[in-house]
C-alpha atoms as a PDB file:
ATOM      1  CA  MET A   1       6.899   3.335  -0.980  1.00  0.00           C
ATOM      2  CA  ASP A   2       2.748   4.994  -0.320  1.00  0.00           C
ATOM      3  CA  SER A   3       2.700   6.518   2.818  1.00  0.00           C
ATOM      4  CA  THR A   4      -0.975   3.767   3.286  1.00  0.00           C
ATOM      5  CA  THR A   5       2.129   1.012   3.178  1.00  0.00           C
ATOM      6  CA  ILE A   6       4.244   2.498   6.664  1.00  0.00           C
ATOM      7  CA  PHE A   7       1.679   3.481   8.569  1.00  0.00           C
ATOM      8  CA  SER A   8       0.228  -0.092   8.213  1.00  0.00           C
ATOM      9  CA  TYR A   9       3.240  -1.998   8.483  1.00  0.00           C
ATOM     10  CA  ALA A  10       3.856  -0.164  11.315  1.00  0.00           C
ATOM     11  CA  ALA A  11       0.451  -0.377  13.020  1.00  0.00           C
ATOM     12  CA  ILE A  12       1.770  -4.170  13.438  1.00  0.00           C
ATOM     13  CA  TYR A  13       4.897  -3.689  14.706  1.00  0.00           C
ATOM     14  CA  PHE A  14       4.177  -1.669  17.089  1.00  0.00           C
ATOM     15  CA  LEU A  15       0.636  -2.204  18.268  1.00  0.00           C
ATOM     16  CA  TRP A  16       1.126  -6.230  17.367  1.00  0.00           C
ATOM     17  CA  GLY A  17       4.444  -5.541  19.903  1.00  0.00           C
ATOM     18  CA  GLY A  18       3.006  -3.916  22.761  1.00  0.00           C
ATOM     19  CA  ALA A  19      -0.174  -6.219  22.540  1.00  0.00           C
ATOM     20  CA  TYR A  20       2.136  -9.155  24.323  1.00  0.00           C
ATOM     21  CA  LEU A  21       2.654  -6.894  27.499  1.00  0.00           C
ATOM     22  CA  ALA A  22      -0.865  -6.682  28.158  1.00  0.00           C
ATOM     23  CA  ILE A  23      -2.030  -9.608  27.072  1.00  0.00           C
ATOM     24  CA  ARG A  24       0.462 -10.531  29.828  1.00  0.00           C
ATOM     25  CA  CYS A  25      -1.267  -7.720  32.414  1.00  0.00           C
ATOM     26  CA  LEU A  26      -4.821  -9.311  31.426  1.00  0.00           C
ATOM     27  CA  VAL A  27      -4.253 -13.301  32.114  1.00  0.00           C
ATOM     28  CA  GLN A  28      -2.544 -12.939  35.438  1.00  0.00           C
ATOM     29  CA  GLU A  29      -5.367 -11.405  36.888  1.00  0.00           C
ATOM     30  CA  PHE A  30      -8.088 -14.045  34.451  1.00  0.00           C
ATOM     31  CA  PRO A  31      -8.901 -16.185  32.587  1.00  0.00           C
ATOM     32  CA  PRO A  32      -6.817 -16.800  29.743  1.00  0.00           C
ATOM     33  CA  LEU A  33      -9.224 -17.902  27.387  1.00  0.00           C
ATOM     34  CA  TRP A  34     -11.968 -15.709  28.523  1.00  0.00           C
ATOM     35  CA  VAL A  35      -9.610 -13.057  27.935  1.00  0.00           C
ATOM     36  CA  ALA A  36      -8.767 -13.791  24.410  1.00  0.00           C
ATOM     37  CA  GLY A  37     -12.369 -14.145  23.801  1.00  0.00           C
ATOM     38  CA  THR A  38     -13.598 -11.240  25.376  1.00  0.00           C
ATOM     39  CA  ARG A  39     -11.164  -9.233  23.354  1.00  0.00           C
ATOM     40  CA  TYR A  40     -11.826 -10.412  20.167  1.00  0.00           C
ATOM     41  CA  ALA A  41     -15.494  -9.983  20.796  1.00  0.00           C
ATOM     42  CA  LEU A  42     -15.478  -6.287  21.995  1.00  0.00           C
ATOM     43  CA  ALA A  43     -13.032  -5.437  18.632  1.00  0.00           C
ATOM     44  CA  THR A  44     -15.438  -7.372  16.688  1.00  0.00           C
ATOM     45  CA  ILE A  45     -18.537  -5.011  18.272  1.00  0.00           C
ATOM     46  CA  CYS A  46     -16.667  -1.682  17.083  1.00  0.00           C
ATOM     47  CA  LEU A  47     -16.290  -3.185  13.411  1.00  0.00           C
ATOM     48  CA  VAL A  48     -19.839  -4.223  12.603  1.00  0.00           C
ATOM     49  CA  VAL A  49     -20.225  -0.498  13.735  1.00  0.00           C
ATOM     50  CA  LEU A  50     -17.652   0.967  11.546  1.00  0.00           C
ATOM     51  CA  LEU A  51     -19.285  -1.860   8.906  1.00  0.00           C
ATOM     52  CA  ALA A  52     -22.977  -0.334   9.301  1.00  0.00           C
ATOM     53  CA  LEU A  53     -21.441   3.199   8.982  1.00  0.00           C
ATOM     54  CA  ARG A  54     -20.249   2.300   5.407  1.00  0.00           C
ATOM     55  CA  GLY A  55     -23.121   0.330   4.300  1.00  0.00           C
ATOM     56  CA  LEU A  56     -20.486  -2.688   2.717  1.00  0.00           C
ATOM     57  CA  PRO A  57     -22.692  -4.524   0.663  1.00  0.00           C
ATOM     58  CA  PRO A  58     -22.709  -8.254   2.438  1.00  0.00           C
ATOM     59  CA  PRO A  59     -19.217 -11.274   1.200  1.00  0.00           C
ATOM     60  CA  THR A  60     -20.430 -14.337  -0.246  1.00  0.00           C
ATOM     61  CA  LEU A  61     -21.053 -17.687   1.513  1.00  0.00           C
ATOM     62  CA  ARG A  62     -17.941 -18.864   0.470  1.00  0.00           C
ATOM     63  CA  GLN A  63     -16.154 -15.640   1.572  1.00  0.00           C
ATOM     64  CA  PHE A  64     -17.118 -15.321   4.278  1.00  0.00           C
ATOM     65  CA  ILE A  65     -16.656 -19.107   5.658  1.00  0.00           C
ATOM     66  CA  ASN A  66     -13.333 -18.595   4.090  1.00  0.00           C
ATOM     67  CA  ALA A  67     -13.199 -15.992   6.538  1.00  0.00           C
ATOM     68  CA  ALA A  68     -14.225 -18.133   9.526  1.00  0.00           C
ATOM     69  CA  TRP A  69     -12.096 -21.294   9.145  1.00  0.00           C
ATOM     70  CA  THR A  70      -8.841 -19.134   9.033  1.00  0.00           C
ATOM     71  CA  GLY A  71      -9.767 -16.829  11.642  1.00  0.00           C
ATOM     72  CA  ILE A  72     -10.654 -19.606  14.095  1.00  0.00           C
ATOM     73  CA  VAL A  73      -6.587 -20.908  12.765  1.00  0.00           C
ATOM     74  CA  LEU A  74      -5.481 -17.103  13.039  1.00  0.00           C
ATOM     75  CA  LEU A  75      -6.716 -16.298  16.117  1.00  0.00           C
ATOM     76  CA  ALA A  76      -8.575 -19.443  18.363  1.00  0.00           C
ATOM     77  CA  ILE A  77      -6.593 -21.899  18.010  1.00  0.00           C
ATOM     78  CA  ALA A  78      -3.114 -19.990  17.332  1.00  0.00           C
ATOM     79  CA  TYR A  79      -3.498 -16.988  19.994  1.00  0.00           C
ATOM     80  CA  GLY A  80      -5.701 -18.897  22.265  1.00  0.00           C
ATOM     81  CA  SER A  81      -2.679 -21.041  22.776  1.00  0.00           C
ATOM     82  CA  LEU A  82      -0.074 -17.830  22.942  1.00  0.00           C
ATOM     83  CA  PHE A  83      -2.783 -15.881  25.893  1.00  0.00           C
ATOM     84  CA  TRP A  84      -2.547 -19.503  27.660  1.00  0.00           C
ATOM     85  CA  ALA A  85       1.678 -19.823  26.837  1.00  0.00           C
ATOM     86  CA  ALA A  86       1.772 -16.288  27.805  1.00  0.00           C
ATOM     87  CA  LYS A  87       0.120 -16.880  32.056  1.00  0.00           C
ATOM     88  CA  ASP A  88       3.820 -18.728  32.572  1.00  0.00           C
ATOM     89  CA  LEU A  89       6.121 -16.696  30.587  1.00  0.00           C
ATOM     90  CA  PRO A  90       7.282 -12.443  30.230  1.00  0.00           C
ATOM     91  CA  SER A  91       5.964 -10.963  27.909  1.00  0.00           C
ATOM     92  CA  TRP A  92       8.944 -10.305  26.086  1.00  0.00           C
ATOM     93  CA  LEU A  93       9.980 -13.787  26.258  1.00  0.00           C
ATOM     94  CA  VAL A  94       6.264 -15.003  24.376  1.00  0.00           C
ATOM     95  CA  ALA A  95       7.046 -11.368  21.580  1.00  0.00           C
ATOM     96  CA  VAL A  96      11.177 -13.266  20.518  1.00  0.00           C
ATOM     97  CA  LEU A  97       9.428 -17.259  20.523  1.00  0.00           C
ATOM     98  CA  MET A  98       7.073 -15.557  17.478  1.00  0.00           C
ATOM     99  CA  SER A  99       9.604 -14.232  16.294  1.00  0.00           C
ATOM    100  CA  THR A 100      10.064 -17.583  14.468  1.00  0.00           C
ATOM    101  CA  THR A 101       7.247 -17.570  12.759  1.00  0.00           C
ATOM    102  CA  PHE A 102       9.199 -15.454  10.068  1.00  0.00           C
ATOM    103  CA  PHE A 103      10.921 -18.716   9.147  1.00  0.00           C
ATOM    104  CA  TRP A 104       7.585 -20.848   9.206  1.00  0.00           C
ATOM    105  CA  THR A 105       6.497 -18.569   6.259  1.00  0.00           C
ATOM    106  CA  TYR A 106       9.246 -17.578   4.394  1.00  0.00           C
ATOM    107  CA  VAL A 107       9.253 -21.420   3.724  1.00  0.00           C
ATOM    108  CA  GLY A 108       6.020 -21.856   3.152  1.00  0.00           C
ATOM    109  CA  GLU A 109       6.087 -19.298   0.401  1.00  0.00           C
ATOM    110  CA  THR A 110       8.794 -20.015  -1.401  1.00  0.00           C
ATOM    111  CA  LEU A 111       9.014 -23.771  -0.962  1.00  0.00           C
ATOM    112  CA  VAL A 112       6.030 -25.491  -0.170  1.00  0.00           C
ATOM    113  CA  LEU A 113       3.201 -23.267  -1.869  1.00  0.00           C
ATOM    114  CA  ARG A 114       6.251 -21.912  -4.896  1.00  0.00           C
ATOM    115  CA  LEU A 115       4.724 -18.022  -4.534  1.00  0.00           C
ATOM    116  CA  TYR A 116       7.996 -17.260  -4.936  1.00  0.00           C
ATOM    117  CA  PRO A 117      11.656 -18.607  -5.901  1.00  0.00           C
ATOM    118  CA  PHE A 118      13.603 -18.812  -2.890  1.00  0.00           C
ATOM    119  CA  ARG A 119      16.675 -16.922  -3.199  1.00  0.00           C
ATOM    120  CA  VAL A 120      19.810 -17.898  -1.463  1.00  0.00           C
ATOM    121  CA  ARG A 121      21.433 -14.687  -0.662  1.00  0.00           C
ATOM    122  CA  ILE A 122      18.128 -14.947   1.784  1.00  0.00           C
ATOM    123  CA  LEU A 123      19.956 -17.616   4.035  1.00  0.00           C
ATOM    124  CA  PRO A 124      22.228 -15.500   5.780  1.00  0.00           C
ATOM    125  CA  PRO A 125      20.568 -12.410   6.729  1.00  0.00           C
ATOM    126  CA  LEU A 126      17.458 -15.207   7.162  1.00  0.00           C
ATOM    127  CA  VAL A 127      20.225 -17.047   9.973  1.00  0.00           C
ATOM    128  CA  THR A 128      21.931 -14.136  10.905  1.00  0.00           C
ATOM    129  CA  GLY A 129      17.928 -12.920  12.855  1.00  0.00           C
ATOM    130  CA  LEU A 130      17.600 -15.977  13.909  1.00  0.00           C
ATOM    131  CA  ILE A 131      20.525 -16.558  15.544  1.00  0.00           C
ATOM    132  CA  ALA A 132      20.263 -13.036  16.900  1.00  0.00           C
ATOM    133  CA  VAL A 133      17.228 -13.827  18.341  1.00  0.00           C
ATOM    134  CA  PRO A 134      18.105 -16.076  21.663  1.00  0.00           C
ATOM    135  CA  PHE A 135      20.479 -12.979  22.051  1.00  0.00           C
ATOM    136  CA  LEU A 136      17.666 -11.366  23.351  1.00  0.00           C
ATOM    137  CA  VAL A 137      16.771 -13.687  25.712  1.00  0.00           C
ATOM    138  CA  SER A 138      20.642 -14.080  27.532  1.00  0.00           C
ATOM    139  CA  GLY A 139      21.030 -11.714  30.616  1.00  0.00           C
ATOM    140  CA  GLY A 140      17.766 -10.646  30.863  1.00  0.00           C
ATOM    141  CA  SER A 141      17.072 -12.660  33.753  1.00  0.00           C
ATOM    142  CA  ARG A 142      18.783 -15.923  35.255  1.00  0.00           C
ATOM    143  CA  ARG A 143      15.400 -17.727  35.373  1.00  0.00           C
ATOM    144  CA  PHE A 144      12.654 -16.806  33.206  1.00  0.00           C
ATOM    145  CA  GLY A 145       9.670 -19.575  35.428  1.00  0.00           C
ATOM    146  CA  GLY A 146       7.698 -21.041  32.207  1.00  0.00           C
ATOM    147  CA  SER A 147       7.551 -24.638  31.197  1.00  0.00           C
ATOM    148  CA  ILE A 148       8.761 -26.552  28.019  1.00  0.00           C
ATOM    149  CA  THR A 149       4.596 -26.734  27.349  1.00  0.00           C
ATOM    150  CA  ALA A 150       4.462 -23.241  27.296  1.00  0.00           C
ATOM    151  CA  VAL A 151       7.475 -22.659  25.063  1.00  0.00           C
ATOM    152  CA  LEU A 152       5.494 -25.511  22.862  1.00  0.00           C
ATOM    153  CA  ALA A 153       2.286 -23.918  22.580  1.00  0.00           C
ATOM    154  CA  VAL A 154       3.864 -20.315  21.671  1.00  0.00           C
ATOM    155  CA  LEU A 155       5.519 -22.188  18.951  1.00  0.00           C
ATOM    156  CA  PHE A 156       2.365 -24.203  17.783  1.00  0.00           C
ATOM    157  CA  CYS A 157       1.526 -20.485  17.532  1.00  0.00           C
ATOM    158  CA  ALA A 158       3.653 -18.917  15.714  1.00  0.00           C
ATOM    159  CA  ILE A 159       3.279 -22.017  12.990  1.00  0.00           C
ATOM    160  CA  CYS A 160      -0.874 -22.188  13.266  1.00  0.00           C
ATOM    161  CA  TRP A 161      -0.283 -18.204  12.292  1.00  0.00           C
ATOM    162  CA  SER A 162       2.092 -18.798   9.225  1.00  0.00           C
ATOM    163  CA  ILE A 163       0.071 -21.659   8.419  1.00  0.00           C
ATOM    164  CA  GLY A 164      -2.958 -18.806   8.474  1.00  0.00           C
ATOM    165  CA  SER A 165      -1.782 -16.189   6.520  1.00  0.00           C
ATOM    166  CA  LEU A 166      -0.488 -18.287   3.898  1.00  0.00           C
ATOM    167  CA  ALA A 167      -4.107 -20.028   3.553  1.00  0.00           C
ATOM    168  CA  ALA A 168      -5.491 -16.418   3.254  1.00  0.00           C
ATOM    169  CA  LYS A 169      -3.696 -15.373  -0.030  1.00  0.00           C
ATOM    170  CA  ARG A 170      -5.433 -18.713  -1.659  1.00  0.00           C
ATOM    171  CA  ILE A 171      -8.274 -18.070  -0.819  1.00  0.00           C
ATOM    172  CA  ARG A 172     -11.335 -15.956  -1.912  1.00  0.00           C
ATOM    173  CA  MET A 173     -11.398 -13.572   1.390  1.00  0.00           C
ATOM    174  CA  PRO A 174     -14.227 -10.557   1.616  1.00  0.00           C
ATOM    175  CA  ALA A 175     -12.947  -7.883  -0.605  1.00  0.00           C
ATOM    176  CA  ASP A 176     -13.364  -5.425   2.062  1.00  0.00           C
ATOM    177  CA  PRO A 177     -10.179  -6.199   4.863  1.00  0.00           C
ATOM    178  CA  VAL A 178     -12.776  -4.316   7.656  1.00  0.00           C
ATOM    179  CA  GLN A 179     -15.324  -6.868   6.860  1.00  0.00           C
ATOM    180  CA  THR A 180     -12.320 -10.151   6.434  1.00  0.00           C
ATOM    181  CA  ALA A 181     -11.132  -8.929   9.990  1.00  0.00           C
ATOM    182  CA  ALA A 182     -15.010  -8.505  11.722  1.00  0.00           C
ATOM    183  CA  ILE A 183     -15.316 -11.732  10.464  1.00  0.00           C
ATOM    184  CA  GLN A 184     -12.210 -13.682  12.069  1.00  0.00           C
ATOM    185  CA  LEU A 185     -12.643 -11.762  14.954  1.00  0.00           C
ATOM    186  CA  GLY A 186     -16.510 -12.603  15.525  1.00  0.00           C
ATOM    187  CA  THR A 187     -15.537 -15.975  15.057  1.00  0.00           C
ATOM    188  CA  SER A 188     -12.882 -16.338  17.029  1.00  0.00           C
ATOM    189  CA  ALA A 189     -14.162 -14.905  19.897  1.00  0.00           C
ATOM    190  CA  PHE A 190     -17.481 -16.989  19.958  1.00  0.00           C
ATOM    191  CA  VAL A 191     -14.826 -20.198  19.759  1.00  0.00           C
ATOM    192  CA  LEU A 192     -12.545 -19.267  22.242  1.00  0.00           C
ATOM    193  CA  LEU A 193     -15.582 -18.479  24.614  1.00  0.00           C
ATOM    194  CA  PHE A 194     -17.381 -21.761  23.981  1.00  0.00           C
ATOM    195  CA  VAL A 195     -14.322 -23.339  24.641  1.00  0.00           C
ATOM    196  CA  SER A 196     -13.640 -21.011  27.896  1.00  0.00           C
ATOM    197  CA  ARG A 197     -16.918 -22.342  29.541  1.00  0.00           C
ATOM    198  CA  LEU A 198     -16.082 -25.916  28.786  1.00  0.00           C
ATOM    199  CA  LEU A 199     -12.756 -25.274  30.333  1.00  0.00           C
ATOM    200  CA  GLY A 200     -14.810 -23.821  33.761  1.00  0.00           C
ATOM    201  CA  GLU A 201     -13.196 -20.689  33.142  1.00  0.00           C
ATOM    202  CA  TRP A 202     -16.238 -18.931  34.239  1.00  0.00           C
ATOM    203  CA  ASN A 203     -16.380 -21.208  37.530  1.00  0.00           C
ATOM    204  CA  GLY A 204     -14.576 -19.475  40.901  1.00  0.00           C
ATOM    205  CA  GLN A 205     -11.781 -18.459  38.383  1.00  0.00           C
ATOM    206  CA  LEU A 206     -13.939 -15.078  37.104  1.00  0.00           C
ATOM    207  CA  VAL A 207     -14.353 -12.197  38.580  1.00  0.00           C
ATOM    208  CA  VAL A 208     -15.789 -10.012  36.388  1.00  0.00           C
ATOM    209  CA  ALA A 209     -14.877  -6.809  39.194  1.00  0.00           C
ATOM    210  CA  ARG A 210     -12.045  -6.888  39.447  1.00  0.00           C
ATOM    211  CA  PHE A 211     -12.325  -6.162  34.951  1.00  0.00           C
ATOM    212  CA  PHE A 212     -13.429  -2.615  35.453  1.00  0.00           C
ATOM    213  CA  ALA A 213     -10.742  -1.129  37.659  1.00  0.00           C
ATOM    214  CA  LEU A 214      -7.686   0.877  35.244  1.00  0.00           C
ATOM    215  CA  LYS A 215      -4.821  -1.786  34.690  1.00  0.00           C
ATOM    216  CA  PRO A 216      -7.635  -4.155  32.630  1.00  0.00           C
ATOM    217  CA  LEU A 217      -9.511  -0.948  31.589  1.00  0.00           C
ATOM    218  CA  LEU A 218      -6.512   0.149  30.205  1.00  0.00           C
ATOM    219  CA  ALA A 219      -4.662  -3.350  29.207  1.00  0.00           C
ATOM    220  CA  MET A 220      -8.222  -4.500  27.019  1.00  0.00           C
ATOM    221  CA  GLY A 221      -8.552  -1.172  25.433  1.00  0.00           C
ATOM    222  CA  PHE A 222      -5.478  -1.335  24.022  1.00  0.00           C
ATOM    223  CA  LEU A 223      -5.934  -4.586  23.010  1.00  0.00           C
ATOM    224  CA  VAL A 224      -8.940  -3.700  21.071  1.00  0.00           C
ATOM    225  CA  LEU A 225      -9.114  -1.149  19.750  1.00  0.00           C
ATOM    226  CA  GLY A 226      -5.190  -0.950  19.039  1.00  0.00           C
ATOM    227  CA  ALA A 227      -4.019  -4.361  18.346  1.00  0.00           C
ATOM    228  CA  SER A 228      -7.435  -5.366  17.081  1.00  0.00           C
ATOM    229  CA  VAL A 229      -9.381  -3.610  14.972  1.00  0.00           C
ATOM    230  CA  VAL A 230      -6.408  -1.348  13.769  1.00  0.00           C
ATOM    231  CA  ALA A 231      -3.639  -3.513  13.887  1.00  0.00           C
ATOM    232  CA  MET A 232      -5.995  -6.504  12.193  1.00  0.00           C
ATOM    233  CA  ILE A 233      -7.424  -3.648   9.084  1.00  0.00           C
ATOM    234  CA  ALA A 234      -3.941  -3.487   8.886  1.00  0.00           C
ATOM    235  CA  PHE A 235      -2.955  -6.502   8.077  1.00  0.00           C
ATOM    236  CA  HIS A 236      -5.421  -7.734   5.420  1.00  0.00           C
ATOM    237  CA  TRP A 237      -4.980  -4.561   3.538  1.00  0.00           C
ATOM    238  CA  LEU A 238      -1.210  -5.555   3.344  1.00  0.00           C
ATOM    239  CA  LEU A 239      -1.875  -9.635   2.639  1.00  0.00           C
ATOM    240  CA  ALA A 240      -3.700  -8.465   0.085  1.00  0.00           C
ATOM    241  CA  ARG A 241      -0.282  -6.417  -1.110  1.00  0.00           C
ATOM    242  CA  GLN A 242       2.810  -7.824   0.221  1.00  0.00           C
ATOM    243  CA  PRO A 243       4.816 -11.201   0.114  1.00  0.00           C
ATOM    244  CA  VAL A 244       3.693 -12.727   3.233  1.00  0.00           C
ATOM    245  CA  SER A 245       6.978 -13.092   4.565  1.00  0.00           C
ATOM    246  CA  LEU A 246       7.706  -9.461   4.570  1.00  0.00           C
ATOM    247  CA  LEU A 247       4.288  -9.438   7.344  1.00  0.00           C
ATOM    248  CA  ALA A 248       6.197 -12.009   8.933  1.00  0.00           C
ATOM    249  CA  THR A 249       9.165  -9.074  10.007  1.00  0.00           C
ATOM    250  CA  ALA A 250       7.065  -7.967  12.264  1.00  0.00           C
ATOM    251  CA  ALA A 251       7.776 -10.889  14.532  1.00  0.00           C
ATOM    252  CA  TYR A 252      11.162  -9.743  14.041  1.00  0.00           C
ATOM    253  CA  VAL A 253      10.558  -6.349  14.888  1.00  0.00           C
ATOM    254  CA  ASN A 254       7.226  -7.425  17.984  1.00  0.00           C
ATOM    255  CA  PRO A 255      10.182  -8.362  20.569  1.00  0.00           C
ATOM    256  CA  LEU A 256      12.285  -4.975  20.274  1.00  0.00           C
ATOM    257  CA  VAL A 257       9.274  -3.214  21.113  1.00  0.00           C
ATOM    258  CA  ALA A 258       7.989  -5.485  23.588  1.00  0.00           C
ATOM    259  CA  MET A 259      10.991  -5.405  25.263  1.00  0.00           C
ATOM    260  CA  LEU A 260      10.777  -1.346  25.491  1.00  0.00           C
ATOM    261  CA  LEU A 261       7.708  -1.076  27.197  1.00  0.00           C
ATOM    262  CA  GLY A 262       8.282  -3.645  29.335  1.00  0.00           C
ATOM    263  CA  MET A 263      11.833  -1.822  30.432  1.00  0.00           C
ATOM    264  CA  ALA A 264       9.913   1.118  30.747  1.00  0.00           C
ATOM    265  CA  ILE A 265       6.379   0.497  32.145  1.00  0.00           C
ATOM    266  CA  ALA A 266       7.462  -3.071  34.135  1.00  0.00           C
ATOM    267  CA  HIS A 267      10.918  -1.753  34.971  1.00  0.00           C
ATOM    268  CA  GLU A 268      12.472  -5.296  32.602  1.00  0.00           C
ATOM    269  CA  ARG A 269      16.386  -4.870  32.289  1.00  0.00           C
ATOM    270  CA  ALA A 270      18.211  -5.511  28.740  1.00  0.00           C
ATOM    271  CA  SER A 271      21.889  -6.342  29.167  1.00  0.00           C
ATOM    272  CA  LEU A 272      24.198  -6.111  26.516  1.00  0.00           C
ATOM    273  CA  THR A 273      23.540  -9.125  25.118  1.00  0.00           C
ATOM    274  CA  GLN A 274      20.188  -8.260  24.841  1.00  0.00           C
ATOM    275  CA  LEU A 275      20.590  -5.033  22.938  1.00  0.00           C
ATOM    276  CA  LEU A 276      23.326  -6.715  20.675  1.00  0.00           C
ATOM    277  CA  GLY A 277      20.545  -9.625  19.826  1.00  0.00           C
ATOM    278  CA  GLY A 278      18.125  -6.450  18.772  1.00  0.00           C
ATOM    279  CA  VAL A 279      20.730  -4.173  16.528  1.00  0.00           C
ATOM    280  CA  GLY A 280      21.188  -8.460  15.004  1.00  0.00           C
ATOM    281  CA  VAL A 281      17.722  -8.392  13.827  1.00  0.00           C
ATOM    282  CA  LEU A 282      17.332  -5.363  12.899  1.00  0.00           C
ATOM    283  CA  VAL A 283      20.119  -5.364  10.315  1.00  0.00           C
ATOM    284  CA  SER A 284      18.266  -8.521   8.821  1.00  0.00           C
ATOM    285  CA  ILE A 285      15.250  -7.169   8.644  1.00  0.00           C
ATOM    286  CA  SER A 286      17.033  -4.047   6.550  1.00  0.00           C
ATOM    287  CA  VAL A 287      18.584  -6.248   4.343  1.00  0.00           C
ATOM    288  CA  ILE A 288      16.019  -9.254   3.920  1.00  0.00           C
ATOM    289  CA  TRP A 289      13.781  -5.677   2.860  1.00  0.00           C
ATOM    290  CA  SER A 290      16.475  -4.414   0.397  1.00  0.00           C
ATOM    291  CA  PHE A 291      16.854  -7.724  -1.367  1.00  0.00           C
ATOM    292  CA  GLU A 292      12.388  -8.984  -1.778  1.00  0.00           C
ATOM    293  CA  MET A 293      12.026  -5.292  -1.869  1.00  0.00           C
ATOM    294  CA  PRO A 294      13.020  -4.746  -5.752  1.00  0.00           C
ATOM    295  CA  SER A 295      12.805  -8.642  -7.060  1.00  0.00           C
ATOM    296  CA  VAL A 296       8.930  -8.719  -6.033  1.00  0.00           C
ATOM    297  CA  ALA A 297       8.180  -5.381  -7.420  1.00  0.00           C
ATOM    298  CA  ALA A 298       9.784  -7.048 -11.030  1.00  0.00           C
ATOM    299  CA  LEU A 299       7.191  -9.608 -10.138  1.00  0.00           C
ATOM    300  CA  ARG A 300       4.615  -7.861 -10.021  1.00  0.00           C
ATOM    301  CA  LEU A 301       5.329  -6.640 -13.228  1.00  0.00           C
ATOM    302  CA  GLU A 302       6.154  -9.450 -15.339  1.00  0.00           C
ATOM    303  CA  LEU A 303       2.455 -10.814 -13.968  1.00  0.00           C
ATOM    304  CA  ARG A 304       0.346  -7.734 -14.826  1.00  0.00           C
ATOM    305  CA  ARG A 305       2.486  -8.124 -18.580  1.00  0.00           C
ATOM    306  CA  HIS A 306       1.304 -11.497 -19.087  1.00  0.00           C
END
């Protein structure tokens, strides 16, 4: 595996894992859809500047439309739901619930789209990872204070993210990942801010002056530059070169990153049960990688021969 691939996986693993705590910090102070829309709008500005400096040719109309609607599914609908749910759920619990993305993605990739054959030997590590996830939740606190609606909203986000990721593999997208990320972030920002306005989030709930305190600025800076700009470019670079199911392993690592950051920054505690759950998640990921990577490489070699 080359260094660019390693760096890209590290970006979606750790930057997206840390995003949950940053989201939690912001939605406690500001309306959730406004936070999401502002994050994506600022990230779009950064990417547009980068694109202007590079002088790339514009995408075709079809590529633009495909990037726009997949961005709305991935970011406006899916992560809009997550931002809303983060008001009522701890950051690490949101990340744990998002780990089900791997299950929906692998099933969709193998059984629905049939991009790769479903392998029975994947079932044990896949089930092990899913079984280990609830152990991450247990023992941290007796009551997390969230509603079933918030939990369902995060699960809805996981399903939408899987659908959007799989769709992006089957349609013509801009050749450059920066262009794709800019279009997706920009259209999602417009939709989220528009809906935020319609829902009245700007009326009495939004005190922009509070946004310029140190904590909100650090959280938004991390979300914009790290979790949106760098991680989204890395995600689309990997999406063009790796199976979606392997990208979805980020949803397994993200809860561990969120938990560690919660312990270090928000002074959350982890029980022995949670640590055992984390070990189970990491073992399942390593086994899936060892099973999937050789078979995917062989399949690509076979496709090149034809």
